[in-house]
Amino acid sequence: MDWRGRRMSDNVEDRRRGGGMVRAGGVGGLGLIVVLLIGVLFGVDVTPFLGGGVSTQAPSGPNEIEDDREAFVATVLAGTEDVWRPIFQQSGLTYHDPKLVLYRGVDRSACGAADAAMGPFYCPNDQTVYLDLDFFQVLEQQMGAGGEFAAAYVIAHEVGHHVQNELGTLGQVHQARSRMSARDSNALSVRTELQADCYAGMWAQGARDIFNVDRQDVAEAMNAAARIGDDALQRASQGVVVPDSFTHGSSQQRQTWFARGFETGDPNQCDTFQAGVL
């Protein structure tokens, strides 16, 4: 993945400067990783297990790229803008760029608390992706999904949720889930997440010329998709796989839908909601 020297998005806000969470006590080492895995898998606030602390947020202001990791994120986000804008235009639609907030530890979003233990997420209420960059370290060192394109896939997946929000899909899903049983709600969540994986694959195809994406890059994304499948995360965190509790899809499903988006580049092929078999 050749990303250096490319255009960087102006839609990144870095709240790490002077902000974040200073923690005292709590779990550490392998115990911390297990708790983080649970947070990523179930999307729950696990901060009570991480120890106390005081959160302070740096004031917002003009963004200045201060380090290599922020430059990478800003460049990947620009790549998503460059891919999705023309796709929307081809359908007579306008793509509104999402924002991306970098934070450390704990922050606030229009959807509630943003906590590193929950992993990266997209908030439709403010059209913003929230990301603690330490997640990429966990992804590589603890989950075995290293490589820059693995990290790019994570960003593209969250932007995929923004695409769903732009198309009205996300709002429909949230309304439907509120009326369902927990089991059916989880099943609908899986279809939502797999569509975001498919959109991430579409982005990867569209970004081939932008970033000189090669087979190794795609392999990194496919490996990341497998490592963060519900079955893989459950096996790592609790030793037991419970399919009814899946919210993002199995490793195989996540790979399958990413590959479909990459191979077809067609949003119509990403309709997971009508698919008989995931």
Foldseek 3Di string as FASTA:
>chain_A
DAQPPADFAQQEWEFAVVWAWDFDDADDDPVLLLLLLVLQFQVDDPVVRRHDTDTDTDDTDGDDDDDDVNRLLRRLLVLLVVQVQVVQVVVVHGDDRAHEYEYYAWDADPVGIDGVSNAWAADLVRRYIYHHVCVQVCLCPVLVLDDSLLVSLVVQLRVLVSVCSRVVNVVVLVVVLVPDDLLVNLVSLQLSSLLSLLSSLLSLQSCCVVRVDDPVSLVSNLSSLQSSASQNSCCSNPVDHDVSNGRHHHSVSSSVSSVQSNVPSDSVSSNSVPDPPD
